[in-house]
PDB file of all heavy atoms in Angstrom:
ATOM      1  N   LEU A   1     -31.343 -92.773  26.405  1.00  0.00           N
ATOM      2  CA  LEU A   1     -30.607 -92.169  27.485  1.00  0.00           C
ATOM      3  C   LEU A   1     -31.067 -90.734  27.765  1.00  0.00           C
ATOM      4  O   LEU A   1     -31.134 -90.332  28.909  1.00  0.00           O
ATOM      5  CB  LEU A   1     -29.126 -92.149  27.094  1.00  0.00           C
ATOM      6  CG  LEU A   1     -28.421 -93.495  27.151  1.00  0.00           C
ATOM      7  CD1 LEU A   1     -27.158 -93.498  26.332  1.00  0.00           C
ATOM      8  CD2 LEU A   1     -28.167 -93.989  28.575  1.00  0.00           C
ATOM      9  N   ALA A   2     -31.387 -90.032  26.702  1.00  0.00           N
ATOM     10  CA  ALA A   2     -31.932 -88.662  26.864  1.00  0.00           C
ATOM     11  C   ALA A   2     -33.236 -88.657  27.601  1.00  0.00           C
ATOM     12  O   ALA A   2     -33.547 -87.890  28.498  1.00  0.00           O
ATOM     13  CB  ALA A   2     -31.986 -87.921  25.521  1.00  0.00           C
ATOM     14  N   ALA A   3     -34.133 -89.552  27.167  1.00  0.00           N
ATOM     15  CA  ALA A   3     -35.491 -89.651  27.717  1.00  0.00           C
ATOM     16  C   ALA A   3     -35.443 -89.999  29.215  1.00  0.00           C
ATOM     17  O   ALA A   3     -36.255 -89.439  29.988  1.00  0.00           O
ATOM     18  CB  ALA A   3     -36.265 -90.685  26.974  1.00  0.00           C
ATOM     19  N   ALA A   4     -34.473 -90.816  29.647  1.00  0.00           N
ATOM     20  CA  ALA A   4     -34.275 -91.181  31.036  1.00  0.00           C
ATOM     21  C   ALA A   4     -33.955 -89.884  31.875  1.00  0.00           C
ATOM     22  O   ALA A   4     -34.076 -89.918  33.063  1.00  0.00           O
ATOM     23  CB  ALA A   4     -33.222 -92.192  31.156  1.00  0.00           C
ATOM     24  N   ARG A   5     -33.483 -88.879  31.224  1.00  0.00           N
ATOM     25  CA  ARG A   5     -33.130 -87.600  31.886  1.00  0.00           C
ATOM     26  C   ARG A   5     -34.136 -86.479  31.601  1.00  0.00           C
ATOM     27  O   ARG A   5     -33.841 -85.331  31.815  1.00  0.00           O
ATOM     28  CB  ARG A   5     -31.717 -87.154  31.517  1.00  0.00           C
ATOM     29  CG  ARG A   5     -30.672 -88.091  32.163  1.00  0.00           C
ATOM     30  CD  ARG A   5     -29.547 -88.277  31.254  1.00  0.00           C
ATOM     31  NE  ARG A   5     -28.440 -89.113  31.821  1.00  0.00           N
ATOM     32  CZ  ARG A   5     -28.413 -90.482  31.646  1.00  0.00           C
ATOM     33  NH1 ARG A   5     -29.335 -91.004  30.896  1.00  0.00           N
ATOM     34  NH2 ARG A   5     -27.412 -91.133  32.203  1.00  0.00           N
ATOM     35  N   GLY A   6     -35.225 -86.874  31.010  1.00  0.00           N
ATOM     36  CA  GLY A   6     -36.285 -85.885  30.761  1.00  0.00           C
ATOM     37  C   GLY A   6     -36.093 -85.092  29.505  1.00  0.00           C
ATOM     38  O   GLY A   6     -36.692 -84.011  29.325  1.00  0.00           O
ATOM     39  N   LEU A   7     -35.164 -85.533  28.591  1.00  0.00           N
ATOM     40  CA  LEU A   7     -34.865 -84.863  27.302  1.00  0.00           C
ATOM     41  C   LEU A   7     -35.467 -85.626  26.153  1.00  0.00           C
ATOM     42  O   LEU A   7     -35.408 -86.870  26.172  1.00  0.00           O
ATOM     43  CB  LEU A   7     -33.383 -84.693  27.178  1.00  0.00           C
ATOM     44  CG  LEU A   7     -32.663 -84.014  28.308  1.00  0.00           C
ATOM     45  CD1 LEU A   7     -31.159 -84.102  28.113  1.00  0.00           C
ATOM     46  CD2 LEU A   7     -33.087 -82.610  28.494  1.00  0.00           C
ATOM     47  N   ASP A   8     -35.991 -84.974  25.225  1.00  0.00           N
ATOM     48  CA  ASP A   8     -36.621 -85.582  24.074  1.00  0.00           C
ATOM     49  C   ASP A   8     -35.875 -85.456  22.768  1.00  0.00           C
ATOM     50  O   ASP A   8     -35.783 -84.309  22.290  1.00  0.00           O
ATOM     51  CB  ASP A   8     -38.086 -85.036  23.908  1.00  0.00           C
ATOM     52  CG  ASP A   8     -38.871 -85.783  22.866  1.00  0.00           C
ATOM     53  OD1 ASP A   8     -38.426 -86.765  22.374  1.00  0.00           O
ATOM     54  OD2 ASP A   8     -40.036 -85.341  22.608  1.00  0.00           O
ATOM     55  N   LEU A   9     -35.325 -86.508  22.229  1.00  0.00           N
ATOM     56  CA  LEU A   9     -34.579 -86.502  20.977  1.00  0.00           C
ATOM     57  C   LEU A   9     -35.438 -87.117  19.828  1.00  0.00           C
ATOM     58  O   LEU A   9     -34.969 -87.273  18.779  1.00  0.00           O
ATOM     59  CB  LEU A   9     -33.286 -87.219  21.059  1.00  0.00           C
ATOM     60  CG  LEU A   9     -32.192 -86.601  21.969  1.00  0.00           C
ATOM     61  CD1 LEU A   9     -30.945 -87.451  21.916  1.00  0.00           C
ATOM     62  CD2 LEU A   9     -31.933 -85.163  21.503  1.00  0.00           C
ATOM     63  N   SER A  10     -36.708 -87.425  20.128  1.00  0.00           N
ATOM     64  CA  SER A  10     -37.514 -88.206  19.144  1.00  0.00           C
ATOM     65  C   SER A  10     -37.734 -87.383  17.839  1.00  0.00           C
ATOM     66  O   SER A  10     -37.876 -87.972  16.798  1.00  0.00           O
ATOM     67  CB  SER A  10     -38.892 -88.599  19.776  1.00  0.00           C
ATOM     68  OG  SER A  10     -39.633 -87.469  20.087  1.00  0.00           O
ATOM     69  N   ALA A  11     -37.838 -86.155  17.908  1.00  0.00           N
ATOM     70  CA  ALA A  11     -38.109 -85.300  16.719  1.00  0.00           C
ATOM     71  C   ALA A  11     -36.782 -84.942  15.976  1.00  0.00           C
ATOM     72  O   ALA A  11     -36.857 -84.451  14.886  1.00  0.00           O
ATOM     73  CB  ALA A  11     -38.805 -84.033  17.081  1.00  0.00           C
ATOM     74  N   HIS A  12     -35.608 -85.245  16.518  1.00  0.00           N
ATOM     75  CA  HIS A  12     -34.351 -84.826  15.914  1.00  0.00           C
ATOM     76  C   HIS A  12     -34.197 -85.620  14.568  1.00  0.00           C
ATOM     77  O   HIS A  12     -34.481 -86.804  14.409  1.00  0.00           O
ATOM     78  CB  HIS A  12     -33.201 -85.191  16.812  1.00  0.00           C
ATOM     79  CG  HIS A  12     -31.855 -85.066  16.094  1.00  0.00           C
ATOM     80  ND1 HIS A  12     -31.323 -83.805  15.938  1.00  0.00           N
ATOM     81  CD2 HIS A  12     -31.051 -85.927  15.505  1.00  0.00           C
ATOM     82  CE1 HIS A  12     -30.189 -83.969  15.255  1.00  0.00           C
ATOM     83  NE2 HIS A  12     -29.980 -85.204  14.949  1.00  0.00           N
ATOM     84  N   ARG A  13     -33.720 -84.846  13.573  1.00  0.00           N
ATOM     85  CA  ARG A  13     -33.342 -85.399  12.262  1.00  0.00           C
ATOM     86  C   ARG A  13     -32.006 -84.754  11.922  1.00  0.00           C
ATOM     87  O   ARG A  13     -31.790 -83.528  12.060  1.00  0.00           O
ATOM     88  CB  ARG A  13     -34.377 -85.089  11.192  1.00  0.00           C
ATOM     89  CG  ARG A  13     -35.659 -85.745  11.374  1.00  0.00           C
ATOM     90  CD  ARG A  13     -35.638 -87.263  11.441  1.00  0.00           C
ATOM     91  NE  ARG A  13     -36.900 -87.906  11.648  1.00  0.00           N
ATOM     92  CZ  ARG A  13     -37.344 -88.297  12.847  1.00  0.00           C
ATOM     93  NH1 ARG A  13     -36.611 -88.105  13.920  1.00  0.00           N
ATOM     94  NH2 ARG A  13     -38.494 -88.925  12.962  1.00  0.00           N
ATOM     95  N   SER A  14     -31.067 -85.513  11.445  1.00  0.00           N
ATOM     96  CA  SER A  14     -29.697 -85.194  11.176  1.00  0.00           C
ATOM     97  C   SER A  14     -29.727 -84.111  10.069  1.00  0.00           C
ATOM     98  O   SER A  14     -30.519 -84.054   9.142  1.00  0.00           O
ATOM     99  CB  SER A  14     -28.862 -86.316  10.796  1.00  0.00           C
ATOM    100  OG  SER A  14     -29.351 -86.924   9.648  1.00  0.00           O
ATOM    101  N   ARG A  15     -28.644 -83.234  10.125  1.00  0.00           N
ATOM    102  CA  ARG A  15     -28.424 -82.228   9.108  1.00  0.00           C
ATOM    103  C   ARG A  15     -26.942 -81.995   9.037  1.00  0.00           C
ATOM    104  O   ARG A  15     -26.170 -82.149   9.984  1.00  0.00           O
ATOM    105  CB  ARG A  15     -29.156 -80.940   9.334  1.00  0.00           C
ATOM    106  CG  ARG A  15     -28.654 -80.173  10.516  1.00  0.00           C
ATOM    107  CD  ARG A  15     -29.521 -78.872  10.729  1.00  0.00           C
ATOM    108  NE  ARG A  15     -28.903 -78.035  11.753  1.00  0.00           N
ATOM    109  CZ  ARG A  15     -28.369 -76.909  11.489  1.00  0.00           C
ATOM    110  NH1 ARG A  15     -28.329 -76.403  10.283  1.00  0.00           N
ATOM    111  NH2 ARG A  15     -27.828 -76.174  12.456  1.00  0.00           N
ATOM    112  N   GLY A  16     -26.520 -81.614   7.851  1.00  0.00           N
ATOM    113  CA  GLY A  16     -25.123 -81.324   7.607  1.00  0.00           C
ATOM    114  C   GLY A  16     -24.758 -79.912   8.054  1.00  0.00           C
ATOM    115  O   GLY A  16     -25.605 -78.984   8.081  1.00  0.00           O
ATOM    116  N   LEU A  17     -23.513 -79.696   8.383  1.00  0.00           N
ATOM    117  CA  LEU A  17     -23.009 -78.393   8.705  1.00  0.00           C
ATOM    118  C   LEU A  17     -22.542 -77.728   7.383  1.00  0.00           C
ATOM    119  O   LEU A  17     -21.520 -78.006   6.855  1.00  0.00           O
ATOM    120  CB  LEU A  17     -21.786 -78.491   9.665  1.00  0.00           C
ATOM    121  CG  LEU A  17     -21.255 -77.131  10.134  1.00  0.00           C
ATOM    122  CD1 LEU A  17     -22.248 -76.466  11.018  1.00  0.00           C
ATOM    123  CD2 LEU A  17     -19.893 -77.340  10.764  1.00  0.00           C
ATOM    124  N   ASP A  18     -23.461 -76.848   6.868  1.00  0.00           N
ATOM    125  CA  ASP A  18     -23.202 -76.145   5.635  1.00  0.00           C
ATOM    126  C   ASP A  18     -22.686 -74.786   5.931  1.00  0.00           C
ATOM    127  O   ASP A  18     -22.538 -74.379   7.038  1.00  0.00           O
ATOM    128  CB  ASP A  18     -24.458 -76.124   4.768  1.00  0.00           C
ATOM    129  CG  ASP A  18     -25.602 -75.414   5.416  1.00  0.00           C
ATOM    130  OD1 ASP A  18     -25.451 -74.683   6.388  1.00  0.00           O
ATOM    131  OD2 ASP A  18     -26.779 -75.647   4.961  1.00  0.00           O
ATOM    132  N   GLU A  19     -22.388 -74.023   4.887  1.00  0.00           N
ATOM    133  CA  GLU A  19     -21.862 -72.697   4.969  1.00  0.00           C
ATOM    134  C   GLU A  19     -22.774 -71.706   5.808  1.00  0.00           C
ATOM    135  O   GLU A  19     -22.267 -70.994   6.601  1.00  0.00           O
ATOM    136  CB  GLU A  19     -21.560 -72.069   3.628  1.00  0.00           C
ATOM    137  CG  GLU A  19     -20.405 -72.681   2.889  1.00  0.00           C
ATOM    138  CD  GLU A  19     -20.176 -72.012   1.530  1.00  0.00           C
ATOM    139  OE1 GLU A  19     -20.488 -70.805   1.415  1.00  0.00           O
ATOM    140  OE2 GLU A  19     -19.592 -72.662   0.594  1.00  0.00           O
ATOM    141  N   HIS A  20     -24.015 -71.882   5.569  1.00  0.00           N
ATOM    142  CA  HIS A  20     -24.971 -71.043   6.303  1.00  0.00           C
ATOM    143  C   HIS A  20     -25.006 -71.330   7.788  1.00  0.00           C
ATOM    144  O   HIS A  20     -24.914 -70.352   8.574  1.00  0.00           O
ATOM    145  CB  HIS A  20     -26.385 -71.152   5.689  1.00  0.00           C
ATOM    146  CG  HIS A  20     -27.449 -70.357   6.482  1.00  0.00           C
ATOM    147  ND1 HIS A  20     -27.509 -69.029   6.438  1.00  0.00           N
ATOM    148  CD2 HIS A  20     -28.410 -70.807   7.324  1.00  0.00           C
ATOM    149  CE1 HIS A  20     -28.507 -68.586   7.210  1.00  0.00           C
ATOM    150  NE2 HIS A  20     -29.065 -69.643   7.740  1.00  0.00           N
ATOM    151  N   ALA A  21     -25.038 -72.603   8.069  1.00  0.00           N
ATOM    152  CA  ALA A  21     -25.043 -72.994   9.501  1.00  0.00           C
ATOM    153  C   ALA A  21     -23.779 -72.540  10.238  1.00  0.00           C
ATOM    154  O   ALA A  21     -23.802 -72.110  11.382  1.00  0.00           O
ATOM    155  CB  ALA A  21     -25.221 -74.504   9.599  1.00  0.00           C
ATOM    156  N   THR A  22     -22.641 -72.653   9.546  1.00  0.00           N
ATOM    157  CA  THR A  22     -21.365 -72.182  10.095  1.00  0.00           C
ATOM    158  C   THR A  22     -21.365 -70.679  10.221  1.00  0.00           C
ATOM    159  O   THR A  22     -20.923 -70.132  11.284  1.00  0.00           O
ATOM    160  CB  THR A  22     -20.196 -72.632   9.179  1.00  0.00           C
ATOM    161  OG1 THR A  22     -20.220 -74.047   9.052  1.00  0.00           O
ATOM    162  CG2 THR A  22     -18.832 -72.243   9.774  1.00  0.00           C
ATOM    163  N   ALA A  23     -21.872 -69.952   9.302  1.00  0.00           N
ATOM    164  CA  ALA A  23     -21.883 -68.503   9.327  1.00  0.00           C
ATOM    165  C   ALA A  23     -22.735 -67.919  10.444  1.00  0.00           C
ATOM    166  O   ALA A  23     -22.336 -66.912  11.073  1.00  0.00           O
ATOM    167  CB  ALA A  23     -22.328 -67.960   7.957  1.00  0.00           C
ATOM    168  N   ILE A  24     -23.866 -68.524  10.692  1.00  0.00           N
ATOM    169  CA  ILE A  24     -24.773 -67.948  11.722  1.00  0.00           C
ATOM    170  C   ILE A  24     -24.386 -68.389  13.119  1.00  0.00           C
ATOM    171  O   ILE A  24     -24.896 -67.747  14.091  1.00  0.00           O
ATOM    172  CB  ILE A  24     -26.256 -68.294  11.434  1.00  0.00           C
ATOM    173  CG1 ILE A  24     -26.504 -69.794  11.564  1.00  0.00           C
ATOM    174  CG2 ILE A  24     -26.689 -67.761  10.118  1.00  0.00           C
ATOM    175  CD1 ILE A  24     -27.969 -70.170  11.568  1.00  0.00           C
ATOM    176  N   ALA A  25     -23.536 -69.335  13.338  1.00  0.00           N
ATOM    177  CA  ALA A  25     -23.160 -69.742  14.685  1.00  0.00           C
ATOM    178  C   ALA A  25     -22.266 -68.806  15.323  1.00  0.00           C
ATOM    179  O   ALA A  25     -21.216 -68.447  14.839  1.00  0.00           O
ATOM    180  CB  ALA A  25     -22.611 -71.169  14.605  1.00  0.00           C
ATOM    181  N   ASP A  26     -22.651 -68.368  16.519  1.00  0.00           N
ATOM    182  CA  ASP A  26     -21.705 -67.586  17.337  1.00  0.00           C
ATOM    183  C   ASP A  26     -20.658 -68.453  18.029  1.00  0.00           C
ATOM    184  O   ASP A  26     -19.603 -68.018  18.386  1.00  0.00           O
ATOM    185  CB  ASP A  26     -22.521 -66.795  18.431  1.00  0.00           C
ATOM    186  CG  ASP A  26     -23.436 -65.808  17.805  1.00  0.00           C
ATOM    187  OD1 ASP A  26     -22.980 -64.875  17.072  1.00  0.00           O
ATOM    188  OD2 ASP A  26     -24.678 -65.971  17.979  1.00  0.00           O
ATOM    189  N   LEU A  27     -21.062 -69.718  18.210  1.00  0.00           N
ATOM    190  CA  LEU A  27     -20.191 -70.681  18.928  1.00  0.00           C
ATOM    191  C   LEU A  27     -20.400 -72.080  18.286  1.00  0.00           C
ATOM    192  O   LEU A  27     -21.554 -72.583  18.265  1.00  0.00           O
ATOM    193  CB  LEU A  27     -20.488 -70.720  20.358  1.00  0.00           C
ATOM    194  CG  LEU A  27     -19.674 -71.716  21.229  1.00  0.00           C
ATOM    195  CD1 LEU A  27     -18.133 -71.447  21.157  1.00  0.00           C
ATOM    196  CD2 LEU A  27     -20.176 -71.662  22.648  1.00  0.00           C
ATOM    197  N   LEU A  28     -19.322 -72.714  17.754  1.00  0.00           N
ATOM    198  CA  LEU A  28     -19.430 -74.013  17.236  1.00  0.00           C
ATOM    199  C   LEU A  28     -18.583 -74.889  18.134  1.00  0.00           C
ATOM    200  O   LEU A  28     -17.421 -74.669  18.475  1.00  0.00           O
ATOM    201  CB  LEU A  28     -18.712 -74.101  15.826  1.00  0.00           C
ATOM    202  CG  LEU A  28     -19.522 -73.298  14.740  1.00  0.00           C
ATOM    203  CD1 LEU A  28     -18.545 -72.818  13.717  1.00  0.00           C
ATOM    204  CD2 LEU A  28     -20.524 -74.266  14.070  1.00  0.00           C
ATOM    205  N   LEU A  29     -19.220 -75.926  18.650  1.00  0.00           N
ATOM    206  CA  LEU A  29     -18.615 -76.872  19.623  1.00  0.00           C
ATOM    207  C   LEU A  29     -18.567 -78.267  18.933  1.00  0.00           C
ATOM    208  O   LEU A  29     -19.604 -78.902  18.781  1.00  0.00           O
ATOM    209  CB  LEU A  29     -19.344 -76.887  20.915  1.00  0.00           C
ATOM    210  CG  LEU A  29     -19.222 -75.545  21.661  1.00  0.00           C
ATOM    211  CD1 LEU A  29     -20.217 -75.479  22.815  1.00  0.00           C
ATOM    212  CD2 LEU A  29     -17.805 -75.412  22.239  1.00  0.00           C
ATOM    213  N   THR A  30     -17.305 -78.718  18.716  1.00  0.00           N
ATOM    214  CA  THR A  30     -17.200 -80.039  18.074  1.00  0.00           C
ATOM    215  C   THR A  30     -16.890 -81.089  19.136  1.00  0.00           C
ATOM    216  O   THR A  30     -16.560 -80.787  20.304  1.00  0.00           O
ATOM    217  CB  THR A  30     -16.065 -80.068  17.068  1.00  0.00           C
ATOM    218  OG1 THR A  30     -14.785 -79.888  17.723  1.00  0.00           O
ATOM    219  CG2 THR A  30     -16.213 -78.927  16.024  1.00  0.00           C
ATOM    220  N   MET A  31     -17.020 -82.350  18.743  1.00  0.00           N
ATOM    221  CA  MET A  31     -16.645 -83.440  19.615  1.00  0.00           C
ATOM    222  C   MET A  31     -15.199 -83.838  19.570  1.00  0.00           C
ATOM    223  O   MET A  31     -14.682 -84.463  20.468  1.00  0.00           O
ATOM    224  CB  MET A  31     -17.550 -84.669  19.322  1.00  0.00           C
ATOM    225  CG  MET A  31     -19.017 -84.397  19.450  1.00  0.00           C
ATOM    226  SD  MET A  31     -19.568 -83.904  21.100  1.00  0.00           S
ATOM    227  CE  MET A  31     -20.139 -82.267  20.842  1.00  0.00           C
ATOM    228  N   THR A  32     -14.524 -83.524  18.443  1.00  0.00           N
ATOM    229  CA  THR A  32     -13.081 -83.890  18.260  1.00  0.00           C
ATOM    230  C   THR A  32     -12.281 -82.756  17.669  1.00  0.00           C
ATOM    231  O   THR A  32     -12.867 -81.859  17.003  1.00  0.00           O
ATOM    232  CB  THR A  32     -12.931 -85.088  17.366  1.00  0.00           C
ATOM    233  OG1 THR A  32     -13.375 -84.772  15.996  1.00  0.00           O
ATOM    234  CG2 THR A  32     -13.807 -86.286  17.817  1.00  0.00           C
ATOM    235  N   ARG A  33     -11.030 -82.812  17.810  1.00  0.00           N
ATOM    236  CA  ARG A  33     -10.136 -81.859  17.245  1.00  0.00           C
ATOM    237  C   ARG A  33     -10.164 -81.974  15.677  1.00  0.00           C
ATOM    238  O   ARG A  33     -10.133 -80.977  14.967  1.00  0.00           O
ATOM    239  CB  ARG A  33      -8.632 -82.078  17.723  1.00  0.00           C
ATOM    240  CG  ARG A  33      -7.539 -81.385  16.999  1.00  0.00           C
ATOM    241  CD  ARG A  33      -7.682 -79.890  16.984  1.00  0.00           C
ATOM    242  NE  ARG A  33      -7.834 -79.403  18.312  1.00  0.00           N
ATOM    243  CZ  ARG A  33      -8.482 -78.190  18.535  1.00  0.00           C
ATOM    244  NH1 ARG A  33      -8.842 -77.449  17.534  1.00  0.00           N
ATOM    245  NH2 ARG A  33      -8.662 -77.771  19.724  1.00  0.00           N
ATOM    246  N   GLU A  34     -10.241 -83.169  15.196  1.00  0.00           N
ATOM    247  CA  GLU A  34     -10.339 -83.372  13.706  1.00  0.00           C
ATOM    248  C   GLU A  34     -11.511 -82.665  13.137  1.00  0.00           C
ATOM    249  O   GLU A  34     -11.385 -82.020  12.078  1.00  0.00           O
ATOM    250  CB  GLU A  34     -10.421 -84.911  13.415  1.00  0.00           C
ATOM    251  CG  GLU A  34     -10.399 -85.173  11.943  1.00  0.00           C
ATOM    252  CD  GLU A  34     -10.455 -86.690  11.648  1.00  0.00           C
ATOM    253  OE1 GLU A  34     -10.316 -87.524  12.598  1.00  0.00           O
ATOM    254  OE2 GLU A  34     -10.619 -87.048  10.453  1.00  0.00           O
ATOM    255  N   GLN A  35     -12.655 -82.631  13.773  1.00  0.00           N
ATOM    256  CA  GLN A  35     -13.850 -81.948  13.317  1.00  0.00           C
ATOM    257  C   GLN A  35     -13.625 -80.433  13.371  1.00  0.00           C
ATOM    258  O   GLN A  35     -13.989 -79.736  12.410  1.00  0.00           O
ATOM    259  CB  GLN A  35     -15.079 -82.309  14.161  1.00  0.00           C
ATOM    260  CG  GLN A  35     -15.530 -83.797  14.007  1.00  0.00           C
ATOM    261  CD  GLN A  35     -16.347 -84.307  15.124  1.00  0.00           C
ATOM    262  OE1 GLN A  35     -16.604 -83.606  16.113  1.00  0.00           O
ATOM    263  NE2 GLN A  35     -16.663 -85.576  15.048  1.00  0.00           N
ATOM    264  N   ALA A  36     -13.012 -80.001  14.411  1.00  0.00           N
ATOM    265  CA  ALA A  36     -12.752 -78.555  14.543  1.00  0.00           C
ATOM    266  C   ALA A  36     -11.766 -78.015  13.453  1.00  0.00           C
ATOM    267  O   ALA A  36     -11.958 -77.015  12.818  1.00  0.00           O
ATOM    268  CB  ALA A  36     -12.194 -78.172  15.905  1.00  0.00           C
ATOM    269  N   ASP A  37     -10.752 -78.864  13.205  1.00  0.00           N
ATOM    270  CA  ASP A  37      -9.763 -78.578  12.160  1.00  0.00           C
ATOM    271  C   ASP A  37     -10.474 -78.588  10.756  1.00  0.00           C
ATOM    272  O   ASP A  37     -10.145 -77.732   9.891  1.00  0.00           O
ATOM    273  CB  ASP A  37      -8.641 -79.559  12.180  1.00  0.00           C
ATOM    274  CG  ASP A  37      -7.702 -79.350  13.374  1.00  0.00           C
ATOM    275  OD1 ASP A  37      -7.843 -78.307  14.109  1.00  0.00           O
ATOM    276  OD2 ASP A  37      -6.908 -80.288  13.684  1.00  0.00           O
ATOM    277  N   LEU A  38     -11.373 -79.521  10.580  1.00  0.00           N
ATOM    278  CA  LEU A  38     -12.083 -79.579   9.285  1.00  0.00           C
ATOM    279  C   LEU A  38     -12.980 -78.313   9.080  1.00  0.00           C
ATOM    280  O   LEU A  38     -12.918 -77.720   7.999  1.00  0.00           O
ATOM    281  CB  LEU A  38     -12.967 -80.820   9.198  1.00  0.00           C
ATOM    282  CG  LEU A  38     -13.774 -81.010   7.947  1.00  0.00           C
ATOM    283  CD1 LEU A  38     -12.856 -81.122   6.688  1.00  0.00           C
ATOM    284  CD2 LEU A  38     -14.639 -82.292   8.035  1.00  0.00           C
ATOM    285  N   ILE A  39     -13.668 -77.892  10.109  1.00  0.00           N
ATOM    286  CA  ILE A  39     -14.416 -76.688   9.978  1.00  0.00           C
ATOM    287  C   ILE A  39     -13.518 -75.495   9.661  1.00  0.00           C
ATOM    288  O   ILE A  39     -13.861 -74.620   8.860  1.00  0.00           O
ATOM    289  CB  ILE A  39     -15.285 -76.500  11.295  1.00  0.00           C
ATOM    290  CG1 ILE A  39     -16.276 -77.582  11.443  1.00  0.00           C
ATOM    291  CG2 ILE A  39     -15.957 -75.099  11.240  1.00  0.00           C
ATOM    292  CD1 ILE A  39     -16.996 -77.655  12.764  1.00  0.00           C
ATOM    293  N   GLY A  40     -12.409 -75.397  10.404  1.00  0.00           N
ATOM    294  CA  GLY A  40     -11.472 -74.337  10.149  1.00  0.00           C
ATOM    295  C   GLY A  40     -10.927 -74.333   8.737  1.00  0.00           C
ATOM    296  O   GLY A  40     -10.662 -73.220   8.165  1.00  0.00           O
ATOM    297  N   ALA A  41     -10.686 -75.517   8.184  1.00  0.00           N
ATOM    298  CA  ALA A  41     -10.214 -75.606   6.789  1.00  0.00           C
ATOM    299  C   ALA A  41     -11.272 -75.221   5.779  1.00  0.00           C
ATOM    300  O   ALA A  41     -10.977 -74.635   4.730  1.00  0.00           O
ATOM    301  CB  ALA A  41      -9.721 -77.026   6.492  1.00  0.00           C
ATOM    302  N   ARG A  42     -12.503 -75.432   6.145  1.00  0.00           N
ATOM    303  CA  ARG A  42     -13.663 -75.111   5.193  1.00  0.00           C
ATOM    304  C   ARG A  42     -13.986 -73.605   5.256  1.00  0.00           C
ATOM    305  O   ARG A  42     -14.527 -73.075   4.280  1.00  0.00           O
ATOM    306  CB  ARG A  42     -14.891 -75.902   5.621  1.00  0.00           C
ATOM    307  CG  ARG A  42     -14.875 -77.375   5.299  1.00  0.00           C
ATOM    308  CD  ARG A  42     -16.204 -78.000   5.745  1.00  0.00           C
ATOM    309  NE  ARG A  42     -16.296 -79.406   5.457  1.00  0.00           N
ATOM    310  CZ  ARG A  42     -17.284 -80.164   5.871  1.00  0.00           C
ATOM    311  NH1 ARG A  42     -18.318 -79.634   6.558  1.00  0.00           N
ATOM    312  NH2 ARG A  42     -17.280 -81.448   5.599  1.00  0.00           N
ATOM    313  N   THR A  43     -13.822 -73.004   6.382  1.00  0.00           N
ATOM    314  CA  THR A  43     -14.369 -71.615   6.616  1.00  0.00           C
ATOM    315  C   THR A  43     -13.239 -70.698   7.194  1.00  0.00           C
ATOM    316  O   THR A  43     -12.787 -70.947   8.285  1.00  0.00           O
ATOM    317  CB  THR A  43     -15.545 -71.680   7.563  1.00  0.00           C
ATOM    318  OG1 THR A  43     -16.479 -72.671   7.125  1.00  0.00           O
ATOM    319  CG2 THR A  43     -16.202 -70.302   7.667  1.00  0.00           C
ATOM    320  N   ASN A  44     -12.928 -69.647   6.473  1.00  0.00           N
ATOM    321  CA  ASN A  44     -11.979 -68.632   7.032  1.00  0.00           C
ATOM    322  C   ASN A  44     -12.583 -67.891   8.259  1.00  0.00           C
ATOM    323  O   ASN A  44     -13.727 -67.603   8.203  1.00  0.00           O
ATOM    324  CB  ASN A  44     -11.574 -67.661   5.930  1.00  0.00           C
ATOM    325  CG  ASN A  44     -10.755 -68.260   4.854  1.00  0.00           C
ATOM    326  OD1 ASN A  44     -10.033 -69.194   5.068  1.00  0.00           O
ATOM    327  ND2 ASN A  44     -10.846 -67.700   3.621  1.00  0.00           N
TER     328      ASN A  44
END
């Protein structure tokens, strides 16, 4: 679906949201409220 729109996801490899990734993000955008709440519970 991405390729049909000229976007390339072939090199993507999954990674977990760890403390460092959370700390350096100026903006975290989740797909669900549950995910946002989980991030909020993990990180003050």
